Amino acid sequence: MVSTFRKQATEQGTLKFSIALTVFLGVLGVASGLVTGSQAIIFDGMYSFVDVVPTVVSLLVVKLIARGTTHRFQYGFWHLEPRLPGRHERLWCPRRPH
């Protein structure tokens, strides 16, 4: 059985790796777009930077959950985790005014 601490450390490591790889690919995309003069490749690289935002938010929430309980949040921060998918969806699909 995997301990909770080890599981959280693995999850944080995976998210950090994902952030680093996405930033690297974004830099590579922007650089190759500038070299080739392709605006589409530059845009794709810039989109990678936007794609990092939800992963950073997920990493922050995982760190909060790992922190445990506080005086203000006696039951911990576990209630933030189910809210993440809705927040990520709003980042990609904002509501249109009627």
C-alpha atoms as a PDB file:
ATOM      1  CA  MET A   1       0.000   0.000   0.000  1.00  0.00           C
ATOM      2  CA  VAL A   2       1.374   3.439  -0.985  1.00  0.00           C
ATOM      3  CA  SER A   3       1.557   6.013   1.777  1.00  0.00           C
ATOM      4  CA  THR A   4      -0.341   9.290   1.383  1.00  0.00           C
ATOM      5  CA  PHE A   5       2.860  11.353   1.610  1.00  0.00           C
ATOM      6  CA  ARG A   6       4.521   9.337  -1.125  1.00  0.00           C
ATOM      7  CA  LYS A   7       1.455   9.607  -3.353  1.00  0.00           C
ATOM      8  CA  GLN A   8       1.318  13.402  -2.929  1.00  0.00           C
ATOM      9  CA  ALA A   9       5.040  13.706  -3.615  1.00  0.00           C
ATOM     10  CA  THR A  10       4.617  11.696  -6.802  1.00  0.00           C
ATOM     11  CA  GLU A  11       1.641  13.807  -7.867  1.00  0.00           C
ATOM     12  CA  GLN A  12       3.537  17.037  -7.244  1.00  0.00           C
ATOM     13  CA  GLY A  13       6.537  15.703  -9.141  1.00  0.00           C
ATOM     14  CA  THR A  14       4.370  14.741 -12.082  1.00  0.00           C
ATOM     15  CA  LEU A  15       2.748  18.180 -12.185  1.00  0.00           C
ATOM     16  CA  LYS A  16       6.139  19.920 -11.963  1.00  0.00           C
ATOM     17  CA  PHE A  17       7.458  17.758 -14.799  1.00  0.00           C
ATOM     18  CA  SER A  18       4.382  18.577 -16.876  1.00  0.00           C
ATOM     19  CA  ILE A  19       4.856  22.311 -16.273  1.00  0.00           C
ATOM     20  CA  ALA A  20       8.549  22.176 -17.188  1.00  0.00           C
ATOM     21  CA  LEU A  21       7.916  20.153 -20.344  1.00  0.00           C
ATOM     22  CA  THR A  22       5.056  22.390 -21.476  1.00  0.00           C
ATOM     23  CA  VAL A  23       7.135  25.544 -20.939  1.00  0.00           C
ATOM     24  CA  PHE A  24      10.043  23.946 -22.824  1.00  0.00           C
ATOM     25  CA  LEU A  25       7.773  23.028 -25.737  1.00  0.00           C
ATOM     26  CA  GLY A  26       6.299  26.537 -25.705  1.00  0.00           C
ATOM     27  CA  VAL A  27       9.750  28.121 -25.900  1.00  0.00           C
ATOM     28  CA  LEU A  28      10.732  25.673 -28.624  1.00  0.00           C
ATOM     29  CA  GLY A  29       7.535  26.452 -30.545  1.00  0.00           C
ATOM     30  CA  VAL A  30       7.946  30.229 -30.327  1.00  0.00           C
ATOM     31  CA  ALA A  31      11.637  30.014 -31.258  1.00  0.00           C
ATOM     32  CA  SER A  32      11.012  27.748 -34.242  1.00  0.00           C
ATOM     33  CA  GLY A  33       8.133  29.965 -35.326  1.00  0.00           C
ATOM     34  CA  LEU A  34      10.381  33.023 -35.242  1.00  0.00           C
ATOM     35  CA  VAL A  35      13.104  31.218 -37.171  1.00  0.00           C
ATOM     36  CA  THR A  36      10.725  29.984 -39.868  1.00  0.00           C
ATOM     37  CA  GLY A  37       8.582  33.122 -39.883  1.00  0.00           C
ATOM     38  CA  SER A  38       5.405  31.145 -39.252  1.00  0.00           C
ATOM     39  CA  GLN A  39       2.769  32.947 -37.205  1.00  0.00           C
ATOM     40  CA  ALA A  40       0.839  29.706 -36.734  1.00  0.00           C
ATOM     41  CA  ILE A  41       3.797  28.030 -35.022  1.00  0.00           C
ATOM     42  CA  ILE A  42       4.366  31.127 -32.859  1.00  0.00           C
ATOM     43  CA  PHE A  43       0.699  31.052 -31.843  1.00  0.00           C
ATOM     44  CA  ASP A  44       0.930  27.361 -31.010  1.00  0.00           C
ATOM     45  CA  GLY A  45       3.940  28.061 -28.795  1.00  0.00           C
ATOM     46  CA  MET A  46       2.103  30.904 -27.051  1.00  0.00           C
ATOM     47  CA  TYR A  47      -0.881  28.611 -26.523  1.00  0.00           C
ATOM     48  CA  SER A  48       1.435  26.237 -24.666  1.00  0.00           C
ATOM     49  CA  PHE A  49       2.152  28.998 -22.159  1.00  0.00           C
ATOM     50  CA  VAL A  50      -1.579  29.480 -21.580  1.00  0.00           C
ATOM     51  CA  ASP A  51      -1.883  25.723 -21.147  1.00  0.00           C
ATOM     52  CA  VAL A  52       0.516  25.903 -18.194  1.00  0.00           C
ATOM     53  CA  VAL A  53      -1.952  27.947 -16.091  1.00  0.00           C
ATOM     54  CA  PRO A  54      -4.333  25.092 -15.148  1.00  0.00           C
ATOM     55  CA  THR A  55      -1.411  22.834 -14.302  1.00  0.00           C
ATOM     56  CA  VAL A  56       0.096  25.468 -12.003  1.00  0.00           C
ATOM     57  CA  VAL A  57      -3.282  25.894 -10.289  1.00  0.00           C
ATOM     58  CA  SER A  58      -3.506  22.117  -9.867  1.00  0.00           C
ATOM     59  CA  LEU A  59      -0.026  22.060  -8.343  1.00  0.00           C
ATOM     60  CA  LEU A  60      -0.977  24.797  -5.868  1.00  0.00           C
ATOM     61  CA  VAL A  61      -4.103  22.891  -4.841  1.00  0.00           C
ATOM     62  CA  VAL A  62      -2.144  19.649  -4.387  1.00  0.00           C
ATOM     63  CA  LYS A  63       0.308  21.519  -2.157  1.00  0.00           C
ATOM     64  CA  LEU A  64      -2.567  22.964  -0.117  1.00  0.00           C
ATOM     65  CA  ILE A  65      -4.118  19.536   0.304  1.00  0.00           C
ATOM     66  CA  ALA A  66      -0.756  18.135   1.413  1.00  0.00           C
ATOM     67  CA  ARG A  67      -0.460  20.869   4.034  1.00  0.00           C
ATOM     68  CA  GLY A  68      -3.332  19.360   5.987  1.00  0.00           C
ATOM     69  CA  THR A  69      -5.523  21.157   8.464  1.00  0.00           C
ATOM     70  CA  THR A  70      -5.203  24.726   9.702  1.00  0.00           C
ATOM     71  CA  HIS A  71      -7.005  26.755  12.327  1.00  0.00           C
ATOM     72  CA  ARG A  72      -9.333  28.178   9.684  1.00  0.00           C
ATOM     73  CA  PHE A  73      -9.792  24.946   7.704  1.00  0.00           C
ATOM     74  CA  GLN A  74     -10.106  22.216  10.326  1.00  0.00           C
ATOM     75  CA  TYR A  75     -10.955  19.579   7.725  1.00  0.00           C
ATOM     76  CA  GLY A  76      -8.148  20.513   5.336  1.00  0.00           C
ATOM     77  CA  PHE A  77      -8.312  21.733   1.772  1.00  0.00           C
ATOM     78  CA  TRP A  78      -9.682  18.569   0.140  1.00  0.00           C
ATOM     79  CA  HIS A  79     -12.816  20.479  -0.924  1.00  0.00           C
ATOM     80  CA  LEU A  80     -10.772  22.436  -3.498  1.00  0.00           C
ATOM     81  CA  GLU A  81      -9.888  19.385  -5.576  1.00  0.00           C
ATOM     82  CA  PRO A  82     -13.375  18.674  -6.992  1.00  0.00           C
ATOM     83  CA  ARG A  83     -13.662  22.319  -8.056  1.00  0.00           C
ATOM     84  CA  LEU A  84     -10.637  22.232 -10.345  1.00  0.00           C
ATOM     85  CA  PRO A  85     -12.278  20.790 -13.480  1.00  0.00           C
ATOM     86  CA  GLY A  86     -14.932  23.511 -13.452  1.00  0.00           C
ATOM     87  CA  ARG A  87     -12.311  26.225 -13.103  1.00  0.00           C
ATOM     88  CA  HIS A  88     -10.252  24.781 -15.945  1.00  0.00           C
ATOM     89  CA  GLU A  89     -13.340  24.621 -18.133  1.00  0.00           C
ATOM     90  CA  ARG A  90     -14.053  28.306 -17.512  1.00  0.00           C
ATOM     91  CA  LEU A  91     -10.518  29.158 -18.569  1.00  0.00           C
ATOM     92  CA  TRP A  92     -11.011  27.495 -21.957  1.00  0.00           C
ATOM     93  CA  CYS A  93     -14.735  28.146 -22.478  1.00  0.00           C
ATOM     94  CA  PRO A  94     -15.697  31.508 -20.937  1.00  0.00           C
ATOM     95  CA  ARG A  95     -19.380  32.375 -20.825  1.00  0.00           C
ATOM     96  CA  ARG A  96     -20.641  34.638 -23.553  1.00  0.00           C
ATOM     97  CA  PRO A  97     -22.812  37.609 -22.626  1.00  0.00           C
ATOM     98  CA  HIS A  98     -26.378  37.330 -23.859  1.00  0.00           C
END
